Amino acid sequence: MAESAPEVSGDETVAARRSRFGVLAVRVAEVLIAVLFIYAGVLKAWDPLGFANDIDNYKLLPWSIGVRLAFFLPWLEVVCGLTILARRFYYGSVSILILLVSVFIAAGVIAKARGIDVACGCFGHAGRNLSFAGHLALDFAILAVLVVVWRWRSNDNRLRA
């Protein structure tokens, strides 16, 4: 007698579909985040002195440190974006980006609290039209996506172990 295929309940099918949708959604989010940081990094690397001026506008660091950061941070963003796309050093890259976005949010809030109105310069001239609230909302959205992606992959790896 031929063996019949194992019965699959409707709940398992729905769960499998949700899991596939979740994996696809997280991969799309990873690609979007990676492309976003590669784009932002390249824009800033193209004009490091302009980015140094943007850093200096926050009035939180001495000029000499701001210039060093302006030459280093864009390439860090590009490398993190590329490693997320390649899924190499994944958790390190996502963790670095979470830290960078968190520091940027804090710097923006501190500058605003001190009465300094700054244009972030993260996306070149495209981001200069956003208000402070718009920048803050965008930064928190990016931070949320980074945290969700990190948590999803972390939970996914624990389930496989």
N, C-alpha and C. Protein backbone atom coordinates (compact mmCIF):
# COMPACT_ATOMS: atom_id res chain seq x y z
N MET A 1 0.84 -1.16 0.00
CA MET A 1 0.00 0.00 0.00
C MET A 1 0.89 1.23 0.00
N ALA A 2 0.59 2.20 -0.82
CA ALA A 2 1.40 3.41 -0.93
C ALA A 2 1.16 4.30 0.27
N GLU A 3 2.25 4.89 0.73
CA GLU A 3 2.12 5.80 1.86
C GLU A 3 1.51 7.10 1.38
N SER A 4 0.62 7.60 2.18
CA SER A 4 0.02 8.88 1.82
C SER A 4 0.87 10.02 2.36
N ALA A 5 0.73 11.14 1.75
CA ALA A 5 1.46 12.32 2.19
C ALA A 5 0.98 12.70 3.58
N PRO A 6 1.88 13.20 4.43
CA PRO A 6 1.47 13.59 5.77
C PRO A 6 0.42 14.68 5.69
N GLU A 7 -0.52 14.58 6.58
CA GLU A 7 -1.57 15.58 6.61
C GLU A 7 -1.02 16.88 7.19
N VAL A 8 -1.38 17.95 6.55
CA VAL A 8 -0.97 19.27 7.02
C VAL A 8 -2.22 20.04 7.37
N SER A 9 -2.26 20.48 8.60
CA SER A 9 -3.43 21.23 9.02
C SER A 9 -3.39 22.62 8.40
N GLY A 10 -4.56 23.25 8.35
CA GLY A 10 -4.65 24.60 7.80
C GLY A 10 -3.82 25.59 8.58
N ASP A 11 -3.69 25.39 9.90
CA ASP A 11 -2.89 26.30 10.74
C ASP A 11 -1.42 26.25 10.37
N GLU A 12 -0.91 25.06 10.07
CA GLU A 12 0.50 24.95 9.71
C GLU A 12 0.77 25.62 8.37
N THR A 13 -0.17 25.52 7.46
CA THR A 13 -0.01 26.15 6.17
C THR A 13 0.02 27.67 6.33
N VAL A 14 -0.86 28.19 7.14
CA VAL A 14 -0.89 29.63 7.39
C VAL A 14 0.41 30.06 8.07
N ALA A 15 0.87 29.27 9.04
CA ALA A 15 2.11 29.59 9.74
C ALA A 15 3.30 29.56 8.78
N ALA A 16 3.30 28.59 7.88
CA ALA A 16 4.39 28.51 6.90
C ALA A 16 4.36 29.72 5.98
N ARG A 17 3.17 30.14 5.55
CA ARG A 17 3.06 31.32 4.70
C ARG A 17 3.52 32.56 5.43
N ARG A 18 3.11 32.70 6.68
CA ARG A 18 3.53 33.86 7.47
C ARG A 18 5.05 33.87 7.62
N SER A 19 5.63 32.70 7.86
CA SER A 19 7.08 32.62 8.02
C SER A 19 7.78 33.04 6.73
N ARG A 20 7.28 32.54 5.58
CA ARG A 20 7.88 32.92 4.30
C ARG A 20 7.72 34.41 4.04
N PHE A 21 6.54 34.94 4.37
CA PHE A 21 6.32 36.38 4.21
C PHE A 21 7.26 37.17 5.12
N GLY A 22 7.43 36.71 6.35
CA GLY A 22 8.33 37.38 7.30
C GLY A 22 9.76 37.39 6.81
N VAL A 23 10.22 36.26 6.30
CA VAL A 23 11.59 36.17 5.78
C VAL A 23 11.76 37.12 4.60
N LEU A 24 10.78 37.14 3.71
CA LEU A 24 10.85 38.03 2.55
C LEU A 24 10.81 39.49 2.99
N ALA A 25 9.93 39.82 3.91
CA ALA A 25 9.82 41.21 4.39
C ALA A 25 11.12 41.66 5.05
N VAL A 26 11.73 40.79 5.85
CA VAL A 26 12.98 41.15 6.51
C VAL A 26 14.10 41.30 5.48
N ARG A 27 14.14 40.44 4.48
CA ARG A 27 15.19 40.57 3.46
C ARG A 27 15.02 41.87 2.67
N VAL A 28 13.79 42.22 2.35
CA VAL A 28 13.54 43.50 1.65
C VAL A 28 13.98 44.66 2.55
N ALA A 29 13.65 44.58 3.84
CA ALA A 29 14.07 45.64 4.77
C ALA A 29 15.59 45.71 4.86
N GLU A 30 16.26 44.57 4.87
CA GLU A 30 17.73 44.55 4.90
C GLU A 30 18.30 45.23 3.66
N VAL A 31 17.76 44.91 2.51
CA VAL A 31 18.26 45.49 1.26
C VAL A 31 18.02 47.00 1.26
N LEU A 32 16.83 47.43 1.67
CA LEU A 32 16.54 48.86 1.70
C LEU A 32 17.46 49.60 2.66
N ILE A 33 17.65 49.04 3.85
CA ILE A 33 18.55 49.67 4.83
C ILE A 33 19.97 49.71 4.29
N ALA A 34 20.42 48.60 3.71
CA ALA A 34 21.79 48.55 3.18
C ALA A 34 21.97 49.60 2.08
N VAL A 35 21.03 49.67 1.15
CA VAL A 35 21.13 50.64 0.05
C VAL A 35 21.07 52.07 0.59
N LEU A 36 20.21 52.30 1.58
CA LEU A 36 20.11 53.62 2.19
C LEU A 36 21.44 54.07 2.78
N PHE A 37 22.11 53.18 3.53
CA PHE A 37 23.37 53.56 4.15
C PHE A 37 24.51 53.63 3.15
N ILE A 38 24.48 52.80 2.13
CA ILE A 38 25.49 52.91 1.07
C ILE A 38 25.33 54.26 0.37
N TYR A 39 24.10 54.61 0.02
CA TYR A 39 23.82 55.89 -0.64
C TYR A 39 24.25 57.07 0.23
N ALA A 40 23.83 57.05 1.49
CA ALA A 40 24.18 58.16 2.39
C ALA A 40 25.70 58.23 2.59
N GLY A 41 26.34 57.09 2.72
CA GLY A 41 27.80 57.07 2.91
C GLY A 41 28.54 57.61 1.70
N VAL A 42 28.11 57.22 0.51
CA VAL A 42 28.76 57.70 -0.71
C VAL A 42 28.59 59.20 -0.86
N LEU A 43 27.38 59.71 -0.57
CA LEU A 43 27.16 61.16 -0.65
C LEU A 43 28.11 61.92 0.27
N LYS A 44 28.27 61.41 1.48
CA LYS A 44 29.13 62.10 2.46
C LYS A 44 30.60 61.90 2.13
N ALA A 45 30.97 60.73 1.61
CA ALA A 45 32.37 60.48 1.25
C ALA A 45 32.77 61.34 0.06
N TRP A 46 31.82 61.68 -0.79
CA TRP A 46 32.08 62.51 -1.96
C TRP A 46 32.48 63.93 -1.55
N ASP A 47 31.95 64.40 -0.43
CA ASP A 47 32.23 65.75 0.05
C ASP A 47 32.51 65.71 1.56
N PRO A 48 33.67 65.20 1.97
CA PRO A 48 33.94 65.05 3.40
C PRO A 48 34.03 66.39 4.15
N LEU A 49 34.50 67.43 3.49
CA LEU A 49 34.58 68.72 4.18
C LEU A 49 33.18 69.32 4.38
N GLY A 50 32.31 69.11 3.42
CA GLY A 50 30.92 69.53 3.60
C GLY A 50 30.28 68.76 4.76
N PHE A 51 30.57 67.46 4.84
CA PHE A 51 30.05 66.67 5.95
C PHE A 51 30.68 67.12 7.27
N ALA A 52 31.96 67.50 7.23
CA ALA A 52 32.61 68.01 8.45
C ALA A 52 31.91 69.29 8.92
N ASN A 53 31.51 70.14 7.98
CA ASN A 53 30.75 71.34 8.34
C ASN A 53 29.40 70.97 8.95
N ASP A 54 28.75 69.95 8.38
CA ASP A 54 27.47 69.50 8.94
C ASP A 54 27.66 68.99 10.38
N ILE A 55 28.73 68.26 10.62
CA ILE A 55 29.03 67.78 11.97
C ILE A 55 29.30 68.96 12.90
N ASP A 56 30.06 69.92 12.40
CA ASP A 56 30.41 71.09 13.21
C ASP A 56 29.19 71.93 13.56
N ASN A 57 28.17 71.92 12.71
CA ASN A 57 26.95 72.69 12.98
C ASN A 57 26.26 72.27 14.28
N TYR A 58 26.48 71.04 14.71
CA TYR A 58 25.87 70.57 15.96
C TYR A 58 26.54 71.17 17.19
N LYS A 59 27.76 71.67 17.03
CA LYS A 59 28.52 72.31 18.11
C LYS A 59 28.68 71.38 19.32
N LEU A 60 28.96 70.11 19.03
CA LEU A 60 29.17 69.13 20.09
C LEU A 60 30.61 68.64 20.17
N LEU A 61 31.34 68.78 19.07
CA LEU A 61 32.71 68.27 19.00
C LEU A 61 33.66 69.34 18.49
N PRO A 62 34.92 69.25 18.88
CA PRO A 62 35.90 70.16 18.28
C PRO A 62 36.03 69.88 16.78
N TRP A 63 36.41 70.90 16.04
CA TRP A 63 36.55 70.80 14.58
C TRP A 63 37.45 69.64 14.18
N SER A 64 38.58 69.47 14.87
CA SER A 64 39.54 68.43 14.48
C SER A 64 38.92 67.03 14.58
N ILE A 65 38.09 66.80 15.56
CA ILE A 65 37.44 65.49 15.69
C ILE A 65 36.34 65.35 14.64
N GLY A 66 35.61 66.43 14.40
CA GLY A 66 34.57 66.41 13.38
C GLY A 66 35.11 66.09 12.00
N VAL A 67 36.27 66.65 11.67
CA VAL A 67 36.89 66.37 10.36
C VAL A 67 37.29 64.91 10.28
N ARG A 68 37.89 64.39 11.33
CA ARG A 68 38.27 62.97 11.32
C ARG A 68 37.04 62.08 11.15
N LEU A 69 35.97 62.40 11.86
CA LEU A 69 34.73 61.62 11.73
C LEU A 69 34.15 61.75 10.32
N ALA A 70 34.27 62.92 9.73
CA ALA A 70 33.73 63.13 8.39
C ALA A 70 34.46 62.29 7.34
N PHE A 71 35.70 61.97 7.58
CA PHE A 71 36.43 61.12 6.65
C PHE A 71 36.24 59.64 6.96
N PHE A 72 35.86 59.30 8.19
CA PHE A 72 35.73 57.91 8.61
C PHE A 72 34.29 57.38 8.52
N LEU A 73 33.33 58.11 9.04
CA LEU A 73 31.96 57.61 9.16
C LEU A 73 31.31 57.24 7.82
N PRO A 74 31.49 58.03 6.76
CA PRO A 74 30.86 57.62 5.50
C PRO A 74 31.30 56.24 5.02
N TRP A 75 32.59 55.96 5.16
CA TRP A 75 33.08 54.66 4.71
C TRP A 75 32.61 53.54 5.63
N LEU A 76 32.44 53.85 6.90
CA LEU A 76 31.88 52.86 7.83
C LEU A 76 30.44 52.53 7.42
N GLU A 77 29.67 53.54 7.06
CA GLU A 77 28.30 53.30 6.60
C GLU A 77 28.27 52.46 5.33
N VAL A 78 29.14 52.77 4.39
CA VAL A 78 29.20 52.01 3.13
C VAL A 78 29.56 50.55 3.41
N VAL A 79 30.58 50.33 4.22
CA VAL A 79 31.01 48.97 4.53
C VAL A 79 29.91 48.21 5.26
N CYS A 80 29.25 48.86 6.22
CA CYS A 80 28.15 48.20 6.93
C CYS A 80 27.02 47.83 5.97
N GLY A 81 26.69 48.73 5.06
CA GLY A 81 25.65 48.43 4.07
C GLY A 81 26.03 47.25 3.19
N LEU A 82 27.28 47.23 2.73
CA LEU A 82 27.73 46.13 1.88
C LEU A 82 27.75 44.80 2.62
N THR A 83 28.15 44.82 3.89
CA THR A 83 28.20 43.57 4.64
C THR A 83 26.80 43.05 4.96
N ILE A 84 25.84 43.95 5.10
CA ILE A 84 24.45 43.50 5.30
C ILE A 84 23.94 42.84 4.01
N LEU A 85 24.24 43.44 2.88
CA LEU A 85 23.84 42.83 1.60
C LEU A 85 24.47 41.46 1.43
N ALA A 86 25.74 41.35 1.80
CA ALA A 86 26.47 40.10 1.65
C ALA A 86 26.22 39.11 2.80
N ARG A 87 25.56 39.58 3.83
CA ARG A 87 25.29 38.79 5.04
C ARG A 87 26.58 38.27 5.67
N ARG A 88 27.56 39.10 5.68
CA ARG A 88 28.83 38.81 6.36
C ARG A 88 28.99 39.82 7.48
N PHE A 89 29.47 39.39 8.62
CA PHE A 89 29.61 40.27 9.79
C PHE A 89 28.30 40.98 10.06
N TYR A 90 27.21 40.26 9.88
CA TYR A 90 25.86 40.82 9.88
C TYR A 90 25.53 41.53 11.18
N TYR A 91 25.66 40.83 12.30
CA TYR A 91 25.25 41.43 13.58
C TYR A 91 26.14 42.60 13.96
N GLY A 92 27.41 42.53 13.64
CA GLY A 92 28.30 43.65 13.90
C GLY A 92 27.90 44.88 13.11
N SER A 93 27.58 44.68 11.83
CA SER A 93 27.18 45.80 10.98
C SER A 93 25.88 46.42 11.44
N VAL A 94 24.89 45.58 11.72
CA VAL A 94 23.60 46.11 12.16
C VAL A 94 23.76 46.81 13.51
N SER A 95 24.58 46.24 14.39
CA SER A 95 24.82 46.87 15.70
C SER A 95 25.49 48.22 15.56
N ILE A 96 26.46 48.32 14.67
CA ILE A 96 27.14 49.60 14.43
C ILE A 96 26.14 50.62 13.90
N LEU A 97 25.29 50.22 12.97
CA LEU A 97 24.32 51.16 12.42
C LEU A 97 23.29 51.58 13.46
N ILE A 98 22.88 50.66 14.32
CA ILE A 98 21.97 51.02 15.42
C ILE A 98 22.63 52.06 16.31
N LEU A 99 23.90 51.86 16.62
CA LEU A 99 24.64 52.81 17.45
C LEU A 99 24.76 54.16 16.75
N LEU A 100 25.11 54.17 15.48
CA LEU A 100 25.26 55.43 14.74
C LEU A 100 23.95 56.21 14.69
N VAL A 101 22.86 55.52 14.39
CA VAL A 101 21.56 56.21 14.31
C VAL A 101 21.16 56.72 15.68
N SER A 102 21.42 55.94 16.73
CA SER A 102 21.08 56.37 18.09
C SER A 102 21.86 57.60 18.50
N VAL A 103 23.16 57.61 18.18
CA VAL A 103 23.99 58.78 18.49
C VAL A 103 23.52 59.99 17.70
N PHE A 104 23.16 59.78 16.44
CA PHE A 104 22.68 60.88 15.62
C PHE A 104 21.37 61.45 16.16
N ILE A 105 20.46 60.58 16.61
CA ILE A 105 19.21 61.05 17.20
C ILE A 105 19.51 61.88 18.45
N ALA A 106 20.39 61.36 19.30
CA ALA A 106 20.75 62.08 20.53
C ALA A 106 21.38 63.43 20.19
N ALA A 107 22.29 63.46 19.22
CA ALA A 107 22.94 64.72 18.84
C ALA A 107 21.92 65.73 18.32
N GLY A 108 20.98 65.26 17.53
CA GLY A 108 19.95 66.15 17.01
C GLY A 108 19.07 66.72 18.10
N VAL A 109 18.68 65.87 19.05
CA VAL A 109 17.84 66.33 20.16
C VAL A 109 18.61 67.32 21.03
N ILE A 110 19.88 67.03 21.30
CA ILE A 110 20.71 67.94 22.12
C ILE A 110 20.85 69.29 21.41
N ALA A 111 21.14 69.25 20.11
CA ALA A 111 21.30 70.50 19.36
C ALA A 111 19.99 71.30 19.38
N LYS A 112 18.88 70.63 19.17
CA LYS A 112 17.58 71.33 19.18
C LYS A 112 17.29 71.91 20.55
N ALA A 113 17.61 71.16 21.61
CA ALA A 113 17.38 71.65 22.97
C ALA A 113 18.25 72.87 23.27
N ARG A 114 19.39 72.97 22.62
CA ARG A 114 20.28 74.12 22.81
C ARG A 114 19.92 75.27 21.87
N GLY A 115 18.87 75.09 21.10
CA GLY A 115 18.42 76.15 20.20
C GLY A 115 19.16 76.20 18.88
N ILE A 116 19.87 75.14 18.54
CA ILE A 116 20.62 75.10 17.29
C ILE A 116 19.77 74.37 16.26
N ASP A 117 19.47 75.04 15.16
CA ASP A 117 18.68 74.43 14.10
C ASP A 117 19.65 73.89 13.05
N VAL A 118 19.74 72.57 12.95
CA VAL A 118 20.71 71.97 12.04
C VAL A 118 20.01 71.16 10.95
N ALA A 119 20.57 71.22 9.77
CA ALA A 119 20.19 70.31 8.70
C ALA A 119 21.20 69.17 8.76
N CYS A 120 20.73 67.96 8.82
CA CYS A 120 21.63 66.85 9.12
C CYS A 120 22.67 66.62 8.03
N GLY A 121 22.31 66.76 6.78
CA GLY A 121 23.28 66.53 5.71
C GLY A 121 23.48 65.06 5.40
N CYS A 122 22.68 64.19 5.97
CA CYS A 122 22.87 62.75 5.78
C CYS A 122 22.58 62.29 4.35
N PHE A 123 21.63 62.93 3.71
CA PHE A 123 21.25 62.51 2.36
C PHE A 123 21.47 63.63 1.36
N GLY A 124 22.49 64.41 1.59
CA GLY A 124 22.78 65.51 0.69
C GLY A 124 21.70 66.57 0.73
N HIS A 125 21.43 67.16 -0.40
CA HIS A 125 20.44 68.24 -0.47
C HIS A 125 19.01 67.72 -0.36
N ALA A 126 18.80 66.44 -0.61
CA ALA A 126 17.44 65.88 -0.55
C ALA A 126 16.85 65.97 0.85
N GLY A 127 17.68 65.85 1.88
CA GLY A 127 17.18 65.87 3.24
C GLY A 127 17.09 67.25 3.85
N ARG A 128 17.54 68.25 3.17
CA ARG A 128 17.55 69.60 3.74
C ARG A 128 16.16 70.23 3.81
N ASN A 129 15.21 69.68 3.10
CA ASN A 129 13.86 70.24 3.10
C ASN A 129 12.99 69.71 4.23
N LEU A 130 13.48 68.71 4.94
CA LEU A 130 12.71 68.14 6.05
C LEU A 130 12.84 69.02 7.29
N SER A 131 11.76 69.08 8.06
CA SER A 131 11.80 69.79 9.33
C SER A 131 12.51 68.93 10.36
N PHE A 132 12.76 69.49 11.55
CA PHE A 132 13.38 68.71 12.62
C PHE A 132 12.51 67.50 12.96
N ALA A 133 11.20 67.71 13.05
CA ALA A 133 10.28 66.59 13.36
C ALA A 133 10.33 65.54 12.25
N GLY A 134 10.45 65.97 11.02
CA GLY A 134 10.56 65.04 9.90
C GLY A 134 11.82 64.21 9.96
N HIS A 135 12.94 64.89 10.27
CA HIS A 135 14.21 64.17 10.42
C HIS A 135 14.14 63.18 11.57
N LEU A 136 13.56 63.62 12.68
CA LEU A 136 13.46 62.76 13.85
C LEU A 136 12.59 61.54 13.55
N ALA A 137 11.47 61.75 12.87
CA ALA A 137 10.59 60.63 12.51
C ALA A 137 11.31 59.65 11.58
N LEU A 138 12.03 60.18 10.60
CA LEU A 138 12.79 59.33 9.69
C LEU A 138 13.86 58.55 10.43
N ASP A 139 14.58 59.21 11.33
CA ASP A 139 15.63 58.53 12.10
C ASP A 139 15.06 57.43 12.98
N PHE A 140 13.93 57.70 13.64
CA PHE A 140 13.32 56.67 14.48
C PHE A 140 12.78 55.52 13.63
N ALA A 141 12.29 55.81 12.43
CA ALA A 141 11.84 54.74 11.54
C ALA A 141 13.01 53.86 11.11
N ILE A 142 14.13 54.48 10.76
CA ILE A 142 15.32 53.72 10.39
C ILE A 142 15.80 52.89 11.58
N LEU A 143 15.82 53.48 12.76
CA LEU A 143 16.23 52.76 13.96
C LEU A 143 15.30 51.58 14.23
N ALA A 144 14.00 51.78 14.07
CA ALA A 144 13.04 50.70 14.30
C ALA A 144 13.26 49.55 13.32
N VAL A 145 13.48 49.87 12.06
CA VAL A 145 13.73 48.82 11.06
C VAL A 145 15.01 48.06 11.40
N LEU A 146 16.05 48.78 11.79
CA LEU A 146 17.30 48.12 12.17
C LEU A 146 17.10 47.17 13.35
N VAL A 147 16.36 47.61 14.35
CA VAL A 147 16.12 46.77 15.53
C VAL A 147 15.28 45.55 15.16
N VAL A 148 14.24 45.74 14.35
CA VAL A 148 13.39 44.62 13.93
C VAL A 148 14.20 43.60 13.14
N VAL A 149 15.02 44.06 12.21
CA VAL A 149 15.85 43.18 11.40
C VAL A 149 16.82 42.41 12.29
N TRP A 150 17.45 43.10 13.21
CA TRP A 150 18.41 42.46 14.11
C TRP A 150 17.72 41.39 14.96
N ARG A 151 16.55 41.75 15.52
CA ARG A 151 15.80 40.81 16.37
C ARG A 151 15.30 39.61 15.57
N TRP A 152 14.80 39.86 14.35
CA TRP A 152 14.29 38.78 13.53
C TRP A 152 15.39 37.77 13.23
N ARG A 153 16.53 38.25 12.79
CA ARG A 153 17.64 37.34 12.46
C ARG A 153 18.14 36.62 13.72
N SER A 154 18.16 37.34 14.82
CA SER A 154 18.59 36.73 16.08
C SER A 154 17.65 35.61 16.48
N ASN A 155 16.35 35.85 16.42
CA ASN A 155 15.37 34.82 16.74
C ASN A 155 15.40 33.69 15.72
N ASP A 156 15.57 34.00 14.45
CA ASP A 156 15.64 33.00 13.40
C ASP A 156 16.82 32.05 13.63
N ASN A 157 17.96 32.60 14.03
CA ASN A 157 19.14 31.76 14.28
C ASN A 157 18.95 30.90 15.53
N ARG A 158 18.27 31.41 16.54
CA ARG A 158 18.02 30.61 17.75
C ARG A 158 17.09 29.45 17.44
N LEU A 159 16.12 29.67 16.59
CA LEU A 159 15.19 28.59 16.24
C LEU A 159 15.88 27.48 15.46
N ARG A 160 16.87 27.84 14.65
CA ARG A 160 17.60 26.85 13.84
C ARG A 160 18.57 26.03 14.69
N ALA A 161 19.02 26.58 15.81
CA ALA A 161 20.03 25.89 16.63
C ALA A 161 19.47 24.71 17.36
